[in-house]
Amino acid sequence: MDWHPWLVYAHVMGAFAFAAGHGVSATMAFRLRRERDPIRIGAILDMSLYSVSPTSLMSIGFVVLLLSGVASGFEGAYWGRAW
């Protein structure tokens, strides 16, 4: 079975998940600028902190992105090729 297409698919999905996780953090940063209520500021900071935690979409997407990219490089024997 050829694993390369599946590894590339996982790599692309990991990139989308990584970008989506960054979107949550960026959205919270923009909302934080216009918020004045200290309780809501705390809630926004908690949400932003969760978006960069080790179990978040961004972190899991980064791990999938990294591992599938390295595995795809080995599977396709791309390490010796020049760009």
C-alpha atoms as a PDB file:
ATOM      1  CA  MET A   1       0.000   0.000   0.000  1.00  0.00           C
ATOM      2  CA  ASP A   2       1.252   3.432  -0.908  1.00  0.00           C
ATOM      3  CA  TRP A   3       1.175   5.647   2.191  1.00  0.00           C
ATOM      4  CA  HIS A   4       2.367   8.826   0.517  1.00  0.00           C
ATOM      5  CA  PRO A   5      -1.061  10.235  -0.512  1.00  0.00           C
ATOM      6  CA  TRP A   6      -2.409   9.613   2.995  1.00  0.00           C
ATOM      7  CA  LEU A   7       0.578  11.296   4.582  1.00  0.00           C
ATOM      8  CA  VAL A   8       0.186  14.314   2.317  1.00  0.00           C
ATOM      9  CA  TYR A   9      -3.526  14.451   3.190  1.00  0.00           C
ATOM     10  CA  ALA A  10      -2.707  14.333   6.926  1.00  0.00           C
ATOM     11  CA  HIS A  11      -0.073  17.021   6.391  1.00  0.00           C
ATOM     12  CA  VAL A  12      -2.552  19.361   4.702  1.00  0.00           C
ATOM     13  CA  MET A  13      -5.228  18.700   7.359  1.00  0.00           C
ATOM     14  CA  GLY A  14      -2.634  19.405  10.061  1.00  0.00           C
ATOM     15  CA  ALA A  15      -1.836  22.716   8.374  1.00  0.00           C
ATOM     16  CA  PHE A  16      -5.534  23.664   8.312  1.00  0.00           C
ATOM     17  CA  ALA A  17      -5.932  22.744  11.988  1.00  0.00           C
ATOM     18  CA  PHE A  18      -2.810  24.721  12.903  1.00  0.00           C
ATOM     19  CA  ALA A  19      -4.091  27.784  11.031  1.00  0.00           C
ATOM     20  CA  ALA A  20      -7.566  27.468  12.571  1.00  0.00           C
ATOM     21  CA  GLY A  21      -6.053  27.328  16.049  1.00  0.00           C
ATOM     22  CA  HIS A  22      -4.151  30.525  15.349  1.00  0.00           C
ATOM     23  CA  GLY A  23      -7.394  32.104  14.185  1.00  0.00           C
ATOM     24  CA  VAL A  24      -8.980  31.559  17.597  1.00  0.00           C
ATOM     25  CA  SER A  25      -6.041  33.175  19.361  1.00  0.00           C
ATOM     26  CA  ALA A  26      -5.968  36.126  16.952  1.00  0.00           C
ATOM     27  CA  THR A  27      -9.712  36.683  17.294  1.00  0.00           C
ATOM     28  CA  MET A  28      -9.415  36.778  21.069  1.00  0.00           C
ATOM     29  CA  ALA A  29      -6.544  39.278  20.790  1.00  0.00           C
ATOM     30  CA  PHE A  30      -8.671  41.619  18.656  1.00  0.00           C
ATOM     31  CA  ARG A  31     -11.643  41.300  21.025  1.00  0.00           C
ATOM     32  CA  LEU A  32      -9.398  42.029  23.991  1.00  0.00           C
ATOM     33  CA  ARG A  33      -8.428  45.439  22.607  1.00  0.00           C
ATOM     34  CA  ARG A  34     -11.968  46.805  22.711  1.00  0.00           C
ATOM     35  CA  GLU A  35     -13.150  45.173  25.955  1.00  0.00           C
ATOM     36  CA  ARG A  36     -13.333  47.211  29.173  1.00  0.00           C
ATOM     37  CA  ASP A  37     -15.063  44.856  31.650  1.00  0.00           C
ATOM     38  CA  PRO A  38     -12.421  43.086  33.819  1.00  0.00           C
ATOM     39  CA  ILE A  39     -14.511  39.908  34.124  1.00  0.00           C
ATOM     40  CA  ARG A  40     -14.924  39.622  30.362  1.00  0.00           C
ATOM     41  CA  ILE A  41     -11.221  40.383  29.882  1.00  0.00           C
ATOM     42  CA  GLY A  42     -10.437  37.446  32.166  1.00  0.00           C
ATOM     43  CA  ALA A  43     -12.762  35.186  30.164  1.00  0.00           C
ATOM     44  CA  ILE A  44     -11.172  36.263  26.879  1.00  0.00           C
ATOM     45  CA  LEU A  45      -7.690  35.633  28.263  1.00  0.00           C
ATOM     46  CA  ASP A  46      -8.779  32.186  29.470  1.00  0.00           C
ATOM     47  CA  MET A  47     -10.112  31.370  26.000  1.00  0.00           C
ATOM     48  CA  SER A  48      -6.909  32.620  24.398  1.00  0.00           C
ATOM     49  CA  LEU A  49      -4.823  30.568  26.835  1.00  0.00           C
ATOM     50  CA  TYR A  50      -6.816  27.444  26.010  1.00  0.00           C
ATOM     51  CA  SER A  51      -6.271  28.003  22.280  1.00  0.00           C
ATOM     52  CA  VAL A  52      -2.495  27.603  22.741  1.00  0.00           C
ATOM     53  CA  SER A  53      -2.556  24.805  25.341  1.00  0.00           C
ATOM     54  CA  PRO A  54      -0.965  21.405  24.572  1.00  0.00           C
ATOM     55  CA  THR A  55      -4.374  19.818  23.909  1.00  0.00           C
ATOM     56  CA  SER A  56      -5.687  22.579  21.641  1.00  0.00           C
ATOM     57  CA  LEU A  57      -6.465  22.383  17.940  1.00  0.00           C
ATOM     58  CA  MET A  58      -3.372  24.446  17.167  1.00  0.00           C
ATOM     59  CA  SER A  59      -1.004  22.169  19.098  1.00  0.00           C
ATOM     60  CA  ILE A  60      -2.488  18.938  17.777  1.00  0.00           C
ATOM     61  CA  GLY A  61      -2.456  20.364  14.250  1.00  0.00           C
ATOM     62  CA  PHE A  62       1.217  21.275  14.626  1.00  0.00           C
ATOM     63  CA  VAL A  63       2.134  17.754  15.776  1.00  0.00           C
ATOM     64  CA  VAL A  64       0.198  16.186  12.879  1.00  0.00           C
ATOM     65  CA  LEU A  65       1.772  18.686  10.464  1.00  0.00           C
ATOM     66  CA  LEU A  66       5.284  17.948  11.679  1.00  0.00           C
ATOM     67  CA  LEU A  67       5.037  14.157  11.936  1.00  0.00           C
ATOM     68  CA  SER A  68       3.222  13.649   8.643  1.00  0.00           C
ATOM     69  CA  GLY A  69       5.672  15.959   6.860  1.00  0.00           C
ATOM     70  CA  VAL A  70       8.699  14.072   8.161  1.00  0.00           C
ATOM     71  CA  ALA A  71       7.079  10.693   7.443  1.00  0.00           C
ATOM     72  CA  SER A  72       6.167  11.852   3.940  1.00  0.00           C
ATOM     73  CA  GLY A  73       9.756  12.930   3.378  1.00  0.00           C
ATOM     74  CA  PHE A  74      10.994   9.467   4.288  1.00  0.00           C
ATOM     75  CA  GLU A  75       8.243   7.678   2.358  1.00  0.00           C
ATOM     76  CA  GLY A  76       8.915   9.615  -0.837  1.00  0.00           C
ATOM     77  CA  ALA A  77      12.716   9.665  -0.363  1.00  0.00           C
ATOM     78  CA  TYR A  78      12.717  13.458  -0.696  1.00  0.00           C
ATOM     79  CA  TRP A  79      15.524  14.206   1.757  1.00  0.00           C
ATOM     80  CA  GLY A  80      18.279  14.064  -0.851  1.00  0.00           C
ATOM     81  CA  ARG A  81      16.520  16.175  -3.479  1.00  0.00           C
ATOM     82  CA  ALA A  82      17.127  19.867  -3.959  1.00  0.00           C
ATOM     83  CA  TRP A  83      14.171  22.209  -4.096  1.00  0.00           C
END
